[in-house]
C-alpha atoms as a PDB file:
ATOM      1  CA  MET A   1     -11.455 -10.630 -22.537  1.00  0.00           C
ATOM      2  CA  ARG A   2      -9.279 -12.227 -19.901  1.00  0.00           C
ATOM      3  CA  PHE A   3      -5.570 -11.846 -19.436  1.00  0.00           C
ATOM      4  CA  ASP A   4      -3.211 -14.197 -17.784  1.00  0.00           C
ATOM      5  CA  PHE A   5       0.236 -12.489 -17.076  1.00  0.00           C
ATOM      6  CA  ASP A   6       2.028 -15.644 -16.379  1.00  0.00           C
ATOM      7  CA  ARG A   7       0.930 -17.353 -19.601  1.00  0.00           C
ATOM      8  CA  MET A   8       1.522 -14.255 -21.606  1.00  0.00           C
ATOM      9  CA  PHE A   9       5.106 -13.384 -20.189  1.00  0.00           C
ATOM     10  CA  PRO A  10       7.184 -16.442 -19.662  1.00  0.00           C
ATOM     11  CA  THR A  11      10.026 -16.660 -17.211  1.00  0.00           C
ATOM     12  CA  VAL A  12      13.486 -17.766 -18.441  1.00  0.00           C
ATOM     13  CA  ASN A  13      14.202 -20.011 -15.565  1.00  0.00           C
ATOM     14  CA  GLU A  14      12.421 -23.255 -14.566  1.00  0.00           C
ATOM     15  CA  ILE A  15      10.428 -22.530 -11.502  1.00  0.00           C
ATOM     16  CA  SER A  16      10.270 -25.505  -9.412  1.00  0.00           C
ATOM     17  CA  ALA A  17       9.238 -24.148  -5.996  1.00  0.00           C
ATOM     18  CA  CYS A  18       6.719 -22.152  -4.431  1.00  0.00           C
ATOM     19  CA  GLY A  19       6.036 -19.966  -1.432  1.00  0.00           C
ATOM     20  CA  ILE A  20       4.011 -17.014  -0.077  1.00  0.00           C
ATOM     21  CA  MET A  21       5.053 -13.302  -0.386  1.00  0.00           C
ATOM     22  CA  ARG A  22       3.779 -10.377   1.714  1.00  0.00           C
ATOM     23  CA  LYS A  23       2.288 -12.376   4.335  1.00  0.00           C
ATOM     24  CA  LYS A  24       2.984  -9.580   6.676  1.00  0.00           C
ATOM     25  CA  PRO A  25       3.785  -5.977   5.155  1.00  0.00           C
ATOM     26  CA  LYS A  26       7.625  -6.172   6.852  1.00  0.00           C
ATOM     27  CA  ASP A  27       7.974  -9.379   4.491  1.00  0.00           C
ATOM     28  CA  PHE A  28       8.308  -6.755   1.741  1.00  0.00           C
ATOM     29  CA  LYS A  29      10.512  -3.598   2.460  1.00  0.00           C
ATOM     30  CA  VAL A  30      11.488  -1.052   0.014  1.00  0.00           C
ATOM     31  CA  THR A  31      14.065   1.768   0.452  1.00  0.00           C
ATOM     32  CA  GLU A  32      14.972   4.509  -2.035  1.00  0.00           C
ATOM     33  CA  ILE A  33      18.363   5.041  -2.710  1.00  0.00           C
ATOM     34  CA  ASN A  34      19.395   8.546  -3.496  1.00  0.00           C
ATOM     35  CA  ASP A  35      22.032  10.767  -3.322  1.00  0.00           C
ATOM     36  CA  ILE A  36      20.396  14.008  -2.235  1.00  0.00           C
ATOM     37  CA  HIS A  37      22.234  16.722  -0.558  1.00  0.00           C
ATOM     38  CA  LEU A  38      19.696  19.484   0.865  1.00  0.00           C
ATOM     39  CA  SER A  39      20.630  23.023   0.692  1.00  0.00           C
ATOM     40  CA  GLY A  40      18.527  23.858   4.054  1.00  0.00           C
ATOM     41  CA  THR A  41      16.946  26.659   2.442  1.00  0.00           C
ATOM     42  CA  GLY A  42      14.271  27.124  -0.181  1.00  0.00           C
ATOM     43  CA  GLU A  43      10.563  26.785  -0.770  1.00  0.00           C
ATOM     44  CA  HIS A  44      10.455  23.014  -0.721  1.00  0.00           C
ATOM     45  CA  LEU A  45      10.017  21.075   2.474  1.00  0.00           C
ATOM     46  CA  TRP A  46      11.688  17.493   1.934  1.00  0.00           C
ATOM     47  CA  LEU A  47      10.142  14.759   4.082  1.00  0.00           C
ATOM     48  CA  TYR A  48      12.167  11.132   4.378  1.00  0.00           C
ATOM     49  CA  ILE A  49       8.809   9.108   5.411  1.00  0.00           C
ATOM     50  CA  GLU A  50       8.514   5.392   6.349  1.00  0.00           C
ATOM     51  CA  LYS A  51       4.760   4.000   5.696  1.00  0.00           C
ATOM     52  CA  THR A  52       3.352   0.512   6.139  1.00  0.00           C
ATOM     53  CA  GLY A  53       0.087  -0.661   4.367  1.00  0.00           C
ATOM     54  CA  SER A  54      -0.224   2.733   2.486  1.00  0.00           C
ATOM     55  CA  ASN A  55       0.319   3.616  -1.024  1.00  0.00           C
ATOM     56  CA  THR A  56       2.303   6.657  -2.183  1.00  0.00           C
ATOM     57  CA  ASP A  57      -0.458   8.840  -3.748  1.00  0.00           C
ATOM     58  CA  TRP A  58      -2.524   8.329  -0.384  1.00  0.00           C
ATOM     59  CA  VAL A  59       0.270   9.672   1.750  1.00  0.00           C
ATOM     60  CA  ALA A  60       0.910  12.483  -0.720  1.00  0.00           C
ATOM     61  CA  LYS A  61      -2.883  13.426  -0.279  1.00  0.00           C
ATOM     62  CA  GLN A  62      -2.555  13.424   3.671  1.00  0.00           C
ATOM     63  CA  LEU A  63       0.340  15.992   3.292  1.00  0.00           C
ATOM     64  CA  SER A  64      -1.417  18.052   1.299  1.00  0.00           C
ATOM     65  CA  ASN A  65      -4.277  18.335   3.707  1.00  0.00           C
ATOM     66  CA  ILE A  66      -1.898  18.626   6.600  1.00  0.00           C
ATOM     67  CA  CYS A  67       0.366  21.322   5.075  1.00  0.00           C
ATOM     68  CA  GLN A  68      -2.683  23.130   3.466  1.00  0.00           C
ATOM     69  CA  VAL A  69      -1.259  23.213  -0.090  1.00  0.00           C
ATOM     70  CA  PRO A  70      -2.841  21.914  -3.296  1.00  0.00           C
ATOM     71  CA  GLN A  71      -1.929  18.313  -4.106  1.00  0.00           C
ATOM     72  CA  ARG A  72       0.071  19.482  -6.893  1.00  0.00           C
ATOM     73  CA  ASN A  73       2.448  20.969  -4.535  1.00  0.00           C
ATOM     74  CA  VAL A  74       3.459  17.485  -3.207  1.00  0.00           C
ATOM     75  CA  ALA A  75       5.885  15.536  -5.177  1.00  0.00           C
ATOM     76  CA  TYR A  76       7.878  12.114  -5.101  1.00  0.00           C
ATOM     77  CA  ALA A  77      10.234  10.239  -6.958  1.00  0.00           C
ATOM     78  CA  GLY A  78       8.203   7.044  -7.712  1.00  0.00           C
ATOM     79  CA  LEU A  79       5.040   5.112  -6.277  1.00  0.00           C
ATOM     80  CA  LYS A  80       5.914   2.508  -3.829  1.00  0.00           C
ATOM     81  CA  ASP A  81       4.227  -0.609  -3.002  1.00  0.00           C
ATOM     82  CA  ARG A  82       1.240  -0.490  -0.703  1.00  0.00           C
ATOM     83  CA  GLN A  83       1.352  -3.885   1.202  1.00  0.00           C
ATOM     84  CA  ALA A  84       4.860  -3.313   2.332  1.00  0.00           C
ATOM     85  CA  VAL A  85       7.221  -1.320   4.578  1.00  0.00           C
ATOM     86  CA  THR A  86       8.770   1.454   2.295  1.00  0.00           C
ATOM     87  CA  GLN A  87      10.840   4.470   2.941  1.00  0.00           C
ATOM     88  CA  GLN A  88      10.710   7.462   0.314  1.00  0.00           C
ATOM     89  CA  TRP A  89      11.237  11.094   0.086  1.00  0.00           C
ATOM     90  CA  PHE A  90       8.221  13.506  -0.446  1.00  0.00           C
ATOM     91  CA  SER A  91       8.445  17.357  -1.194  1.00  0.00           C
ATOM     92  CA  VAL A  92       6.020  20.078  -0.159  1.00  0.00           C
ATOM     93  CA  GLN A  93       6.189  23.512  -1.839  1.00  0.00           C
ATOM     94  CA  LEU A  94       5.210  26.453   0.213  1.00  0.00           C
ATOM     95  CA  PRO A  95       3.826  24.579   3.099  1.00  0.00           C
ATOM     96  CA  LYS A  96       1.638  26.561   5.468  1.00  0.00           C
ATOM     97  CA  ILE A  97       2.361  24.028   8.004  1.00  0.00           C
ATOM     98  CA  SER A  98       6.279  23.020   7.804  1.00  0.00           C
ATOM     99  CA  ASP A  99       6.927  22.215  11.545  1.00  0.00           C
ATOM    100  CA  ARG A 100       7.854  18.572  11.351  1.00  0.00           C
ATOM    101  CA  LYS A 101       6.085  17.693  14.872  1.00  0.00           C
ATOM    102  CA  LYS A 102       2.940  19.217  13.992  1.00  0.00           C
ATOM    103  CA  ILE A 103       3.019  17.330  10.596  1.00  0.00           C
ATOM    104  CA  GLN A 104       3.722  14.119  12.331  1.00  0.00           C
ATOM    105  CA  SER A 105       1.065  14.416  14.971  1.00  0.00           C
ATOM    106  CA  ALA A 106      -1.441  14.825  12.356  1.00  0.00           C
ATOM    107  CA  LEU A 107      -0.154  11.695  10.319  1.00  0.00           C
ATOM    108  CA  PRO A 108      -1.606   8.226  11.075  1.00  0.00           C
ATOM    109  CA  ASP A 109       0.806   5.767  13.151  1.00  0.00           C
ATOM    110  CA  ASN A 110       1.554   3.840  10.282  1.00  0.00           C
ATOM    111  CA  VAL A 111       3.441   6.785   8.610  1.00  0.00           C
ATOM    112  CA  SER A 112       6.653   8.093  10.158  1.00  0.00           C
ATOM    113  CA  ILE A 113       8.725  11.172   9.241  1.00  0.00           C
ATOM    114  CA  LEU A 114      12.493   9.937   9.678  1.00  0.00           C
ATOM    115  CA  LYS A 115      13.870  13.133   8.529  1.00  0.00           C
ATOM    116  CA  SER A 116      13.382  16.264   6.858  1.00  0.00           C
ATOM    117  CA  ASP A 117      14.757  19.785   5.601  1.00  0.00           C
ATOM    118  CA  PHE A 118      14.270  22.729   3.261  1.00  0.00           C
ATOM    119  CA  HIS A 119      15.720  22.646  -0.327  1.00  0.00           C
ATOM    120  CA  SER A 120      15.173  25.126  -3.444  1.00  0.00           C
ATOM    121  CA  ARG A 121      13.983  22.371  -5.838  1.00  0.00           C
ATOM    122  CA  LYS A 122      11.276  19.989  -5.593  1.00  0.00           C
ATOM    123  CA  ILE A 123      11.710  15.966  -5.906  1.00  0.00           C
ATOM    124  CA  LYS A 124      11.357  14.909  -9.601  1.00  0.00           C
ATOM    125  CA  ARG A 125       9.776  11.858 -10.854  1.00  0.00           C
ATOM    126  CA  GLY A 126      12.339   9.236 -11.194  1.00  0.00           C
ATOM    127  CA  GLN A 127      14.977  11.149  -9.317  1.00  0.00           C
ATOM    128  CA  LEU A 128      16.703   8.323  -7.593  1.00  0.00           C
ATOM    129  CA  GLN A 129      19.488   5.804  -8.319  1.00  0.00           C
ATOM    130  CA  ALA A 130      17.808   2.600  -7.157  1.00  0.00           C
ATOM    131  CA  ASN A 131      15.514   0.992  -4.837  1.00  0.00           C
ATOM    132  CA  ARG A 132      16.794  -1.452  -2.207  1.00  0.00           C
ATOM    133  CA  PHE A 133      14.359  -4.543  -1.709  1.00  0.00           C
ATOM    134  CA  GLU A 134      14.482  -6.837   1.490  1.00  0.00           C
ATOM    135  CA  ILE A 135      11.823  -9.648   0.962  1.00  0.00           C
ATOM    136  CA  VAL A 136      10.717 -12.798   2.655  1.00  0.00           C
ATOM    137  CA  ILE A 137       9.027 -15.637   0.855  1.00  0.00           C
ATOM    138  CA  ARG A 138       7.456 -17.762   3.454  1.00  0.00           C
ATOM    139  CA  GLU A 139       6.542 -21.450   3.577  1.00  0.00           C
ATOM    140  CA  ILE A 140       8.817 -22.422   0.847  1.00  0.00           C
ATOM    141  CA  GLU A 141       7.827 -25.798  -0.839  1.00  0.00           C
ATOM    142  CA  GLY A 142       9.425 -27.783  -3.612  1.00  0.00           C
ATOM    143  CA  ASP A 143      13.071 -27.986  -4.905  1.00  0.00           C
ATOM    144  CA  LEU A 144      15.297 -25.973  -2.873  1.00  0.00           C
ATOM    145  CA  ALA A 145      18.429 -26.762  -5.123  1.00  0.00           C
ATOM    146  CA  GLY A 146      16.109 -25.329  -7.895  1.00  0.00           C
ATOM    147  CA  ILE A 147      16.038 -21.992  -6.235  1.00  0.00           C
ATOM    148  CA  SER A 148      19.709 -21.822  -5.831  1.00  0.00           C
ATOM    149  CA  ASN A 149      20.354 -22.493  -9.426  1.00  0.00           C
ATOM    150  CA  ASN A 150      17.961 -20.082 -10.525  1.00  0.00           C
ATOM    151  CA  ILE A 151      19.693 -17.342  -8.210  1.00  0.00           C
ATOM    152  CA  GLU A 152      22.772 -18.167  -9.844  1.00  0.00           C
ATOM    153  CA  GLN A 153      21.374 -17.945 -13.321  1.00  0.00           C
ATOM    154  CA  ILE A 154      20.263 -14.419 -12.363  1.00  0.00           C
ATOM    155  CA  LEU A 155      23.619 -13.345 -11.219  1.00  0.00           C
ATOM    156  CA  GLN A 156      25.002 -14.751 -14.490  1.00  0.00           C
ATOM    157  CA  ASN A 157      22.587 -13.283 -16.939  1.00  0.00           C
ATOM    158  CA  GLY A 158      20.165 -10.793 -15.230  1.00  0.00           C
ATOM    159  CA  VAL A 159      16.498 -11.257 -15.379  1.00  0.00           C
ATOM    160  CA  PRO A 160      13.895 -10.096 -17.984  1.00  0.00           C
ATOM    161  CA  ASN A 161      12.874  -6.522 -17.675  1.00  0.00           C
ATOM    162  CA  TYR A 162       9.279  -6.999 -17.892  1.00  0.00           C
ATOM    163  CA  PHE A 163       6.582  -4.419 -16.968  1.00  0.00           C
ATOM    164  CA  GLY A 164       5.097  -5.886 -13.794  1.00  0.00           C
ATOM    165  CA  ASN A 165       1.681  -7.083 -13.468  1.00  0.00           C
ATOM    166  CA  GLN A 166       1.002  -3.980 -11.085  1.00  0.00           C
ATOM    167  CA  ARG A 167       1.293  -1.888 -14.472  1.00  0.00           C
ATOM    168  CA  PHE A 168      -1.790  -3.691 -15.808  1.00  0.00           C
ATOM    169  CA  GLY A 169      -4.310  -3.521 -13.072  1.00  0.00           C
ATOM    170  CA  SER A 170      -6.527  -6.120 -11.206  1.00  0.00           C
ATOM    171  CA  GLU A 171      -6.754  -9.174 -13.425  1.00  0.00           C
ATOM    172  CA  MET A 172      -5.000  -6.941 -16.030  1.00  0.00           C
ATOM    173  CA  GLY A 173      -8.102  -4.970 -16.586  1.00  0.00           C
ATOM    174  CA  ASN A 174      -6.324  -1.853 -17.733  1.00  0.00           C
ATOM    175  CA  ILE A 175      -5.612  -3.472 -20.946  1.00  0.00           C
ATOM    176  CA  GLN A 176      -9.352  -3.827 -21.793  1.00  0.00           C
ATOM    177  CA  LYS A 177      -9.905  -0.189 -20.452  1.00  0.00           C
ATOM    178  CA  CYS A 178      -7.223   1.265 -22.600  1.00  0.00           C
ATOM    179  CA  GLN A 179      -8.536  -0.502 -25.743  1.00  0.00           C
ATOM    180  CA  ASP A 180     -12.174   0.581 -25.129  1.00  0.00           C
ATOM    181  CA  TRP A 181     -10.718   4.199 -24.642  1.00  0.00           C
ATOM    182  CA  PHE A 182      -8.896   4.164 -27.699  1.00  0.00           C
ATOM    183  CA  ALA A 183     -11.701   2.813 -29.589  1.00  0.00           C
ATOM    184  CA  GLY A 184     -13.874   5.532 -28.391  1.00  0.00           C
ATOM    185  CA  ASN A 185     -16.297   3.235 -26.491  1.00  0.00           C
ATOM    186  CA  THR A 186     -15.697   5.027 -23.214  1.00  0.00           C
ATOM    187  CA  LYS A 187     -14.315   8.544 -21.842  1.00  0.00           C
ATOM    188  CA  VAL A 188     -11.498   8.994 -19.584  1.00  0.00           C
ATOM    189  CA  LYS A 189     -11.364  12.282 -17.848  1.00  0.00           C
ATOM    190  CA  SER A 190      -8.839  11.886 -15.040  1.00  0.00           C
ATOM    191  CA  LYS A 191      -5.314  12.736 -16.316  1.00  0.00           C
ATOM    192  CA  ASN A 192      -3.446  10.142 -14.016  1.00  0.00           C
ATOM    193  CA  LEU A 193      -5.796   7.420 -15.620  1.00  0.00           C
ATOM    194  CA  LYS A 194      -4.992   8.723 -18.998  1.00  0.00           C
ATOM    195  CA  SER A 195      -1.337   8.751 -18.321  1.00  0.00           C
ATOM    196  CA  LEU A 196      -1.782   5.043 -16.789  1.00  0.00           C
ATOM    197  CA  LEU A 197      -3.702   3.759 -19.703  1.00  0.00           C
ATOM    198  CA  ILE A 198      -1.300   5.066 -22.319  1.00  0.00           C
ATOM    199  CA  SER A 199       1.585   3.248 -20.469  1.00  0.00           C
ATOM    200  CA  THR A 200      -0.434   0.292 -20.488  1.00  0.00           C
ATOM    201  CA  ALA A 201      -0.410   0.216 -24.241  1.00  0.00           C
ATOM    202  CA  ARG A 202       3.190   0.678 -24.518  1.00  0.00           C
ATOM    203  CA  SER A 203       4.188  -1.687 -21.793  1.00  0.00           C
ATOM    204  CA  HIS A 204       2.008  -4.346 -23.298  1.00  0.00           C
ATOM    205  CA  ILE A 205       3.670  -4.368 -26.552  1.00  0.00           C
ATOM    206  CA  PHE A 206       7.213  -4.162 -24.812  1.00  0.00           C
ATOM    207  CA  ASN A 207       6.237  -7.265 -22.770  1.00  0.00           C
ATOM    208  CA  GLU A 208       5.039  -9.213 -25.829  1.00  0.00           C
ATOM    209  CA  ILE A 209       8.419  -8.038 -27.888  1.00  0.00           C
ATOM    210  CA  LEU A 210      10.285  -9.470 -24.740  1.00  0.00           C
ATOM    211  CA  ALA A 211       8.464 -12.599 -24.496  1.00  0.00           C
ATOM    212  CA  SER A 212       8.990 -13.362 -27.973  1.00  0.00           C
ATOM    213  CA  ARG A 213      12.488 -13.061 -27.765  1.00  0.00           C
ATOM    214  CA  ILE A 214      12.457 -15.230 -24.754  1.00  0.00           C
ATOM    215  CA  ASN A 215      10.847 -17.872 -26.499  1.00  0.00           C
ATOM    216  CA  ASN A 216      13.035 -17.889 -29.698  1.00  0.00           C
ATOM    217  CA  GLY A 217      16.286 -17.729 -27.315  1.00  0.00           C
ATOM    218  CA  SER A 218      17.560 -14.189 -28.520  1.00  0.00           C
ATOM    219  CA  TRP A 219      16.429 -12.082 -25.125  1.00  0.00           C
ATOM    220  CA  ASN A 220      19.999 -12.058 -24.130  1.00  0.00           C
ATOM    221  CA  LYS A 221      21.633 -12.520 -27.720  1.00  0.00           C
ATOM    222  CA  PRO A 222      21.915 -10.029 -30.350  1.00  0.00           C
ATOM    223  CA  MET A 223      19.892 -10.326 -33.624  1.00  0.00           C
ATOM    224  CA  LEU A 224      20.353  -8.146 -36.785  1.00  0.00           C
ATOM    225  CA  GLY A 225      19.283  -4.802 -36.410  1.00  0.00           C
ATOM    226  CA  ASP A 226      19.351  -4.551 -32.630  1.00  0.00           C
ATOM    227  CA  ILE A 227      20.014  -1.478 -30.230  1.00  0.00           C
ATOM    228  CA  VAL A 228      21.865  -1.707 -27.069  1.00  0.00           C
ATOM    229  CA  GLN A 229      21.914   0.462 -24.078  1.00  0.00           C
ATOM    230  CA  LEU A 230      24.775   1.540 -21.953  1.00  0.00           C
ATOM    231  CA  ASP A 231      24.435  -0.101 -18.431  1.00  0.00           C
ATOM    232  CA  GLY A 232      23.290   2.630 -15.958  1.00  0.00           C
ATOM    233  CA  SER A 233      22.574   5.131 -18.698  1.00  0.00           C
ATOM    234  CA  HIS A 234      19.799   5.971 -21.186  1.00  0.00           C
ATOM    235  CA  SER A 235      22.482   6.286 -24.036  1.00  0.00           C
ATOM    236  CA  TRP A 236      22.172   3.559 -26.903  1.00  0.00           C
ATOM    237  CA  PHE A 237      23.565   2.690 -30.212  1.00  0.00           C
ATOM    238  CA  HIS A 238      22.958   0.132 -32.954  1.00  0.00           C
ATOM    239  CA  CYS A 239      24.695  -3.060 -32.840  1.00  0.00           C
ATOM    240  CA  LYS A 240      25.834  -2.776 -36.402  1.00  0.00           C
ATOM    241  CA  ASP A 241      28.078   0.000 -34.953  1.00  0.00           C
ATOM    242  CA  ALA A 242      30.114  -2.634 -33.368  1.00  0.00           C
ATOM    243  CA  SER A 243      31.242  -6.433 -34.222  1.00  0.00           C
ATOM    244  CA  THR A 244      28.899  -9.265 -32.971  1.00  0.00           C
ATOM    245  CA  LYS A 245      31.542 -10.773 -31.111  1.00  0.00           C
ATOM    246  CA  GLU A 246      32.420  -7.411 -29.237  1.00  0.00           C
ATOM    247  CA  ILE A 247      28.724  -7.056 -28.571  1.00  0.00           C
ATOM    248  CA  GLU A 248      28.215 -10.462 -27.050  1.00  0.00           C
ATOM    249  CA  LYS A 249      31.346  -9.924 -24.654  1.00  0.00           C
ATOM    250  CA  ARG A 250      29.942  -6.725 -23.484  1.00  0.00           C
ATOM    251  CA  ILE A 251      26.321  -8.121 -23.194  1.00  0.00           C
ATOM    252  CA  LYS A 252      28.128 -11.037 -21.026  1.00  0.00           C
ATOM    253  CA  GLU A 253      29.847  -8.282 -18.986  1.00  0.00           C
ATOM    254  CA  PHE A 254      26.900  -6.459 -18.155  1.00  0.00           C
ATOM    255  CA  ASP A 255      28.475  -3.343 -19.698  1.00  0.00           C
ATOM    256  CA  VAL A 256      25.372  -3.219 -22.651  1.00  0.00           C
ATOM    257  CA  HIS A 257      21.873  -4.468 -22.568  1.00  0.00           C
ATOM    258  CA  ILE A 258      19.632  -5.236 -25.612  1.00  0.00           C
ATOM    259  CA  THR A 259      16.591  -2.831 -26.042  1.00  0.00           C
ATOM    260  CA  ALA A 260      13.168  -3.532 -27.311  1.00  0.00           C
ATOM    261  CA  ALA A 261      10.925  -0.738 -28.573  1.00  0.00           C
ATOM    262  CA  MET A 262       8.612   1.461 -26.342  1.00  0.00           C
ATOM    263  CA  TYR A 263       6.078   2.126 -29.227  1.00  0.00           C
ATOM    264  CA  GLY A 264       4.897   5.132 -30.523  1.00  0.00           C
ATOM    265  CA  GLU A 265       3.544   6.989 -33.464  1.00  0.00           C
ATOM    266  CA  ASN A 266       6.856   7.082 -35.712  1.00  0.00           C
ATOM    267  CA  GLN A 267       9.066   4.429 -37.014  1.00  0.00           C
ATOM    268  CA  VAL A 268      11.189   2.003 -34.772  1.00  0.00           C
ATOM    269  CA  GLN A 269      14.648   2.927 -34.353  1.00  0.00           C
ATOM    270  CA  SER A 270      15.702  -0.825 -34.898  1.00  0.00           C
ATOM    271  CA  THR A 271      16.390  -1.918 -38.314  1.00  0.00           C
ATOM    272  CA  GLU A 272      16.396  -5.638 -40.214  1.00  0.00           C
ATOM    273  CA  ASP A 273      15.274  -8.464 -38.329  1.00  0.00           C
ATOM    274  CA  CYS A 274      14.706  -6.579 -35.042  1.00  0.00           C
ATOM    275  CA  ALA A 275      12.511  -4.146 -36.650  1.00  0.00           C
ATOM    276  CA  PHE A 276      10.542  -6.882 -38.498  1.00  0.00           C
ATOM    277  CA  LEU A 277       9.839  -8.647 -35.325  1.00  0.00           C
ATOM    278  CA  GLU A 278       8.790  -5.577 -33.257  1.00  0.00           C
ATOM    279  CA  ASN A 279       6.645  -4.362 -35.993  1.00  0.00           C
ATOM    280  CA  LYS A 280       4.957  -7.715 -36.302  1.00  0.00           C
ATOM    281  CA  ILE A 281       4.153  -7.706 -32.712  1.00  0.00           C
ATOM    282  CA  ALA A 282       2.938  -3.964 -32.558  1.00  0.00           C
ATOM    283  CA  ASN A 283       0.911  -4.309 -35.629  1.00  0.00           C
ATOM    284  CA  LYS A 284      -1.476  -6.930 -34.000  1.00  0.00           C
ATOM    285  CA  HIS A 285      -2.650  -4.178 -31.861  1.00  0.00           C
ATOM    286  CA  THR A 286      -4.079  -1.496 -34.005  1.00  0.00           C
ATOM    287  CA  LEU A 287      -6.280   0.287 -31.354  1.00  0.00           C
ATOM    288  CA  TYR A 288      -2.901   1.016 -29.749  1.00  0.00           C
ATOM    289  CA  HIS A 289      -1.644   3.051 -32.827  1.00  0.00           C
ATOM    290  CA  ILE A 290      -4.783   5.214 -32.873  1.00  0.00           C
ATOM    291  CA  GLY A 291      -3.975   6.316 -29.095  1.00  0.00           C
ATOM    292  CA  PHE A 292      -0.065   6.732 -30.108  1.00  0.00           C
ATOM    293  CA  GLU A 293      -1.014   8.894 -32.988  1.00  0.00           C
ATOM    294  CA  ARG A 294      -3.653  11.106 -31.026  1.00  0.00           C
ATOM    295  CA  PHE A 295      -1.370  11.621 -28.234  1.00  0.00           C
ATOM    296  CA  ARG A 296       1.968  12.030 -30.501  1.00  0.00           C
ATOM    297  CA  LEU A 297       3.988   9.409 -28.415  1.00  0.00           C
ATOM    298  CA  LYS A 298       7.404   9.087 -29.827  1.00  0.00           C
ATOM    299  CA  GLN A 299       9.324   5.816 -29.752  1.00  0.00           C
ATOM    300  CA  ASP A 300      11.659   5.100 -27.260  1.00  0.00           C
ATOM    301  CA  ARG A 301      13.778   2.204 -26.281  1.00  0.00           C
ATOM    302  CA  ARG A 302      13.680   0.016 -23.053  1.00  0.00           C
ATOM    303  CA  SER A 303      16.608  -2.557 -21.940  1.00  0.00           C
ATOM    304  CA  MET A 304      15.153  -6.431 -21.942  1.00  0.00           C
ATOM    305  CA  ARG A 305      17.009  -7.191 -18.849  1.00  0.00           C
ATOM    306  CA  ILE A 306      17.812  -6.073 -15.451  1.00  0.00           C
ATOM    307  CA  ILE A 307      20.587  -6.734 -13.408  1.00  0.00           C
ATOM    308  CA  PRO A 308      19.900  -7.052  -9.472  1.00  0.00           C
ATOM    309  CA  ARG A 309      22.864  -5.421  -7.642  1.00  0.00           C
ATOM    310  CA  ASN A 310      24.411  -6.517  -4.053  1.00  0.00           C
ATOM    311  CA  PHE A 311      22.263  -9.561  -4.249  1.00  0.00           C
ATOM    312  CA  LYS A 312      22.286 -11.570  -1.159  1.00  0.00           C
ATOM    313  CA  PHE A 313      19.822 -14.575  -0.059  1.00  0.00           C
ATOM    314  CA  ASP A 314      19.531 -17.046   2.794  1.00  0.00           C
ATOM    315  CA  PHE A 315      17.225 -19.758   3.928  1.00  0.00           C
ATOM    316  CA  ARG A 316      15.882 -19.711   7.326  1.00  0.00           C
ATOM    317  CA  ALA A 317      13.820 -22.979   8.224  1.00  0.00           C
ATOM    318  CA  LYS A 318      10.856 -22.724   5.196  1.00  0.00           C
ATOM    319  CA  ASP A 319      11.546 -19.020   4.515  1.00  0.00           C
ATOM    320  CA  LEU A 320      13.623 -17.460   1.785  1.00  0.00           C
ATOM    321  CA  PHE A 321      14.976 -14.175   2.541  1.00  0.00           C
ATOM    322  CA  LEU A 322      16.306 -12.069  -0.296  1.00  0.00           C
ATOM    323  CA  GLN A 323      18.072  -8.431  -0.552  1.00  0.00           C
ATOM    324  CA  PHE A 324      19.100  -6.752  -3.830  1.00  0.00           C
ATOM    325  CA  GLU A 325      18.903  -3.257  -5.630  1.00  0.00           C
ATOM    326  CA  LEU A 326      17.224  -2.410  -8.747  1.00  0.00           C
ATOM    327  CA  SER A 327      17.455   0.587 -10.891  1.00  0.00           C
ATOM    328  CA  SER A 328      14.473   3.011 -11.148  1.00  0.00           C
ATOM    329  CA  GLY A 329      11.728   1.991 -12.990  1.00  0.00           C
ATOM    330  CA  SER A 330      12.156  -1.934 -12.819  1.00  0.00           C
ATOM    331  CA  TYR A 331      10.082  -4.355 -10.763  1.00  0.00           C
ATOM    332  CA  ALA A 332      11.098  -6.619  -7.890  1.00  0.00           C
ATOM    333  CA  THR A 333       8.537  -8.997  -8.761  1.00  0.00           C
ATOM    334  CA  GLY A 334      10.377  -9.717 -12.166  1.00  0.00           C
ATOM    335  CA  VAL A 335      13.365 -10.989 -10.024  1.00  0.00           C
ATOM    336  CA  ILE A 336      11.355 -13.010  -7.594  1.00  0.00           C
ATOM    337  CA  ARG A 337       9.116 -14.731 -10.451  1.00  0.00           C
ATOM    338  CA  GLU A 338      12.602 -15.877 -11.939  1.00  0.00           C
ATOM    339  CA  ILE A 339      13.466 -17.547  -8.422  1.00  0.00           C
ATOM    340  CA  VAL A 340      10.255 -19.091  -7.102  1.00  0.00           C
ATOM    341  CA  LYS A 341       6.287 -19.283  -7.906  1.00  0.00           C
ATOM    342  CA  PHE A 342       4.814 -16.987  -5.350  1.00  0.00           C
ATOM    343  CA  GLN A 343       1.371 -16.258  -4.080  1.00  0.00           C
ATOM    344  CA  THR A 344       0.384 -12.939  -2.349  1.00  0.00           C
END
């Protein structure tokens, strides 16, 4: 079965222009924003690395080989794009080779150590405040006024917090792989692949719930039984604990965001109309429920929108320059596809 990301998961804005993204690696730059104070002592060597045209896991493997440690001793906060210029922290526990110059000399030319120090703890997954993106969309064709209007809508309302098509693999093939695995038609031995396919199932349901609420006009408006999340926090509460007028005001002010289910084996935390919609969508995917029960996944919630911070844009000839910051776990492509249709 073939899946089409853009058809399945619609945009909120009307897209009337197109362009080319990642024509060069430097057209897509990602920088971790992290308030880290390294102690200067400890068993973990922290390395702030800039890489071009390389994925995060590959760099981690190079550090493992160079520093002569098992790969499990190399940690990072999150995966960064391959076809890009990215800056992020890695930590290496008990490296046998710890001299920065020796490590740098063994790395390829497209990987550079910008700074380093020792610390008492390793870096953990998700341990960052945000990512800063600097992106160029080249050879823009179409309605430039429409691009400006879409950006204005983003600044007023945010954008849908879809899991990006990266989560679903090439041609969204991870969906079929996940379904085959849960059905017992294939075996998966890799721990990382298991984790990815489980995430694919949850992401698929979440995106379908969000798409449904975009289609019925409620993705940014509360419905009965909704749960909202405090901005910049994982804390959430039921809308019934506050008046509808108060919730609508806080949504408009970006103080809270409506959530959708990250499905698991137990009952959804939402109630009434929201729970009915979420269960209706999830119940279409009976194979996913087999996996959720097998791996004892618990229900969770995820905000249905993201707010790009410190947003700037500029047109230069036929190119569109974008700069913004996103909290950890959000996708820059989710912002871009609400502005312009892009080819890679």
